[in-house]
Amino acid sequence: MAKGNLDKLARRVAGNPAELCVNVVSGAGSATNIAISGIERNDLLVSVLELQPPTAASGNAVKGDRTAEASITSSGNIQLSTTSTTGNQLLVIWYKVRP
């Protein structure tokens, strides 16, 4: 996790518990909501990795780190601003910040 994100986490948590969460979801077109069960607007994305499915030519490979363009757009959804991940999967890691 980048130092800037660690600083954000420290400010958001500030004595409140934070839970590390992981989910694998289907990719989607750019600027399209991708449903992530349990993610909320005040949570903090740690990593969003695009994965090729095992049936792809170079299956089971990390195709790209999409963290920099990922954002939580609403409760239960993230989006990637410019990259389409249709046909692939996303490994999403985030901290759930509890009040």
C-alpha atoms as a PDB file:
ATOM      1  CA  MET A   1       0.000   0.000   0.000  1.00  0.00           C
ATOM      2  CA  ALA A   2       1.341   3.413  -0.901  1.00  0.00           C
ATOM      3  CA  LYS A   3       2.353   5.711   1.969  1.00  0.00           C
ATOM      4  CA  GLY A   4      -0.384   8.179   1.021  1.00  0.00           C
ATOM      5  CA  ASN A   5      -3.004   5.454   1.413  1.00  0.00           C
ATOM      6  CA  LEU A   6      -1.552   4.440   4.785  1.00  0.00           C
ATOM      7  CA  ASP A   7      -1.871   8.052   5.923  1.00  0.00           C
ATOM      8  CA  LYS A   8      -5.491   8.133   4.704  1.00  0.00           C
ATOM      9  CA  LEU A   9      -6.216   4.892   6.539  1.00  0.00           C
ATOM     10  CA  ALA A  10      -4.718   6.223   9.773  1.00  0.00           C
ATOM     11  CA  ARG A  11      -6.820   9.402   9.553  1.00  0.00           C
ATOM     12  CA  ARG A  12     -10.038   7.509   8.737  1.00  0.00           C
ATOM     13  CA  VAL A  13      -9.605   4.835  11.382  1.00  0.00           C
ATOM     14  CA  ALA A  14      -8.460   7.161  14.219  1.00  0.00           C
ATOM     15  CA  GLY A  15      -9.209   4.656  16.970  1.00  0.00           C
ATOM     16  CA  ASN A  16     -11.985   2.826  15.109  1.00  0.00           C
ATOM     17  CA  PRO A  17     -11.512  -0.790  14.018  1.00  0.00           C
ATOM     18  CA  ALA A  18     -10.630  -1.451  10.369  1.00  0.00           C
ATOM     19  CA  GLU A  19     -11.173  -4.827   8.700  1.00  0.00           C
ATOM     20  CA  LEU A  20      -9.180  -6.048   5.687  1.00  0.00           C
ATOM     21  CA  CYS A  21     -11.616  -7.366   3.040  1.00  0.00           C
ATOM     22  CA  VAL A  22     -11.020  -9.309  -0.180  1.00  0.00           C
ATOM     23  CA  ASN A  23     -13.385 -10.107  -3.051  1.00  0.00           C
ATOM     24  CA  VAL A  24     -13.052 -11.523  -6.577  1.00  0.00           C
ATOM     25  CA  VAL A  25     -15.597 -10.183  -9.067  1.00  0.00           C
ATOM     26  CA  SER A  26     -16.220 -10.172 -12.800  1.00  0.00           C
ATOM     27  CA  GLY A  27     -14.741  -7.279 -14.741  1.00  0.00           C
ATOM     28  CA  ALA A  28     -16.798  -4.729 -16.670  1.00  0.00           C
ATOM     29  CA  GLY A  29     -16.485  -1.906 -19.171  1.00  0.00           C
ATOM     30  CA  SER A  30     -14.729   1.313 -18.200  1.00  0.00           C
ATOM     31  CA  ALA A  31     -16.780   3.777 -16.117  1.00  0.00           C
ATOM     32  CA  THR A  32     -19.282   0.986 -15.328  1.00  0.00           C
ATOM     33  CA  ASN A  33     -20.368   0.081 -11.804  1.00  0.00           C
ATOM     34  CA  ILE A  34     -18.866  -3.186 -10.553  1.00  0.00           C
ATOM     35  CA  ALA A  35     -20.769  -4.628  -7.594  1.00  0.00           C
ATOM     36  CA  ILE A  36     -18.647  -5.356  -4.509  1.00  0.00           C
ATOM     37  CA  SER A  37     -20.650  -6.803  -1.646  1.00  0.00           C
ATOM     38  CA  GLY A  38     -20.109  -4.857   1.552  1.00  0.00           C
ATOM     39  CA  ILE A  39     -17.932  -2.002   0.264  1.00  0.00           C
ATOM     40  CA  GLU A  40     -18.943   1.487   1.429  1.00  0.00           C
ATOM     41  CA  ARG A  41     -18.025   5.026   0.341  1.00  0.00           C
ATOM     42  CA  ASN A  42     -15.832   5.669   3.402  1.00  0.00           C
ATOM     43  CA  ASP A  43     -13.829   2.443   2.939  1.00  0.00           C
ATOM     44  CA  LEU A  44     -10.296   2.547   1.533  1.00  0.00           C
ATOM     45  CA  LEU A  45      -9.201   0.634  -1.584  1.00  0.00           C
ATOM     46  CA  VAL A  46      -5.849  -1.079  -1.126  1.00  0.00           C
ATOM     47  CA  SER A  47      -5.492  -2.915  -4.427  1.00  0.00           C
ATOM     48  CA  VAL A  48      -7.480  -3.733  -7.560  1.00  0.00           C
ATOM     49  CA  LEU A  49      -5.764  -6.333  -9.769  1.00  0.00           C
ATOM     50  CA  GLU A  50      -7.098  -7.481 -13.127  1.00  0.00           C
ATOM     51  CA  LEU A  51      -6.799 -11.260 -13.502  1.00  0.00           C
ATOM     52  CA  GLN A  52      -7.144 -13.398 -16.596  1.00  0.00           C
ATOM     53  CA  PRO A  53      -9.354 -16.463 -16.125  1.00  0.00           C
ATOM     54  CA  PRO A  54      -7.648 -19.870 -16.226  1.00  0.00           C
ATOM     55  CA  THR A  55      -9.075 -20.527 -19.704  1.00  0.00           C
ATOM     56  CA  ALA A  56      -7.296 -17.537 -21.308  1.00  0.00           C
ATOM     57  CA  ALA A  57      -4.199 -18.036 -23.475  1.00  0.00           C
ATOM     58  CA  SER A  58      -1.960 -16.980 -20.590  1.00  0.00           C
ATOM     59  CA  GLY A  59      -4.506 -17.854 -17.906  1.00  0.00           C
ATOM     60  CA  ASN A  60      -4.135 -17.317 -14.185  1.00  0.00           C
ATOM     61  CA  ALA A  61      -2.005 -14.234 -14.833  1.00  0.00           C
ATOM     62  CA  VAL A  62      -2.224 -10.764 -13.345  1.00  0.00           C
ATOM     63  CA  LYS A  63      -2.949  -8.642 -16.382  1.00  0.00           C
ATOM     64  CA  GLY A  64      -2.590  -5.289 -14.635  1.00  0.00           C
ATOM     65  CA  ASP A  65      -2.744  -3.264 -11.454  1.00  0.00           C
ATOM     66  CA  ARG A  66      -5.837  -1.056 -11.794  1.00  0.00           C
ATOM     67  CA  THR A  67      -5.681   0.492  -8.307  1.00  0.00           C
ATOM     68  CA  ALA A  68      -4.750   3.991  -9.508  1.00  0.00           C
ATOM     69  CA  GLU A  69      -7.884   4.319 -11.634  1.00  0.00           C
ATOM     70  CA  ALA A  70     -10.303   2.574  -9.262  1.00  0.00           C
ATOM     71  CA  SER A  71     -12.707   4.407  -7.005  1.00  0.00           C
ATOM     72  CA  ILE A  72     -15.654   3.587  -4.776  1.00  0.00           C
ATOM     73  CA  THR A  73     -18.521   5.323  -6.567  1.00  0.00           C
ATOM     74  CA  SER A  74     -21.346   4.379  -4.192  1.00  0.00           C
ATOM     75  CA  SER A  75     -22.118   1.884  -1.470  1.00  0.00           C
ATOM     76  CA  GLY A  76     -21.649  -1.542  -3.046  1.00  0.00           C
ATOM     77  CA  ASN A  77     -19.902  -0.331  -6.224  1.00  0.00           C
ATOM     78  CA  ILE A  78     -16.485   0.524  -7.638  1.00  0.00           C
ATOM     79  CA  GLN A  79     -15.532   1.760 -11.106  1.00  0.00           C
ATOM     80  CA  LEU A  80     -12.396   1.865 -13.206  1.00  0.00           C
ATOM     81  CA  SER A  81     -12.169   5.211 -14.964  1.00  0.00           C
ATOM     82  CA  THR A  82     -10.562   4.217 -18.284  1.00  0.00           C
ATOM     83  CA  THR A  83      -9.837   0.481 -18.566  1.00  0.00           C
ATOM     84  CA  SER A  84     -12.319  -2.151 -19.667  1.00  0.00           C
ATOM     85  CA  THR A  85     -11.852  -5.437 -17.806  1.00  0.00           C
ATOM     86  CA  THR A  86     -14.692  -7.258 -19.561  1.00  0.00           C
ATOM     87  CA  GLY A  87     -13.984 -10.994 -19.780  1.00  0.00           C
ATOM     88  CA  ASN A  88     -11.498 -10.892 -16.911  1.00  0.00           C
ATOM     89  CA  GLN A  89     -11.803 -10.826 -13.143  1.00  0.00           C
ATOM     90  CA  LEU A  90     -10.812  -8.300 -10.493  1.00  0.00           C
ATOM     91  CA  LEU A  91      -9.182  -9.086  -7.174  1.00  0.00           C
ATOM     92  CA  VAL A  92     -10.306  -6.234  -4.919  1.00  0.00           C
ATOM     93  CA  ILE A  93      -8.698  -5.636  -1.517  1.00  0.00           C
ATOM     94  CA  TRP A  94      -9.941  -2.880   0.776  1.00  0.00           C
ATOM     95  CA  TYR A  95     -10.157  -1.769   4.373  1.00  0.00           C
ATOM     96  CA  LYS A  96     -13.656  -1.545   5.799  1.00  0.00           C
ATOM     97  CA  VAL A  97     -13.578   1.365   8.211  1.00  0.00           C
ATOM     98  CA  ARG A  98     -16.088   0.948  11.030  1.00  0.00           C
ATOM     99  CA  PRO A  99     -17.369   3.952  12.999  1.00  0.00           C
END
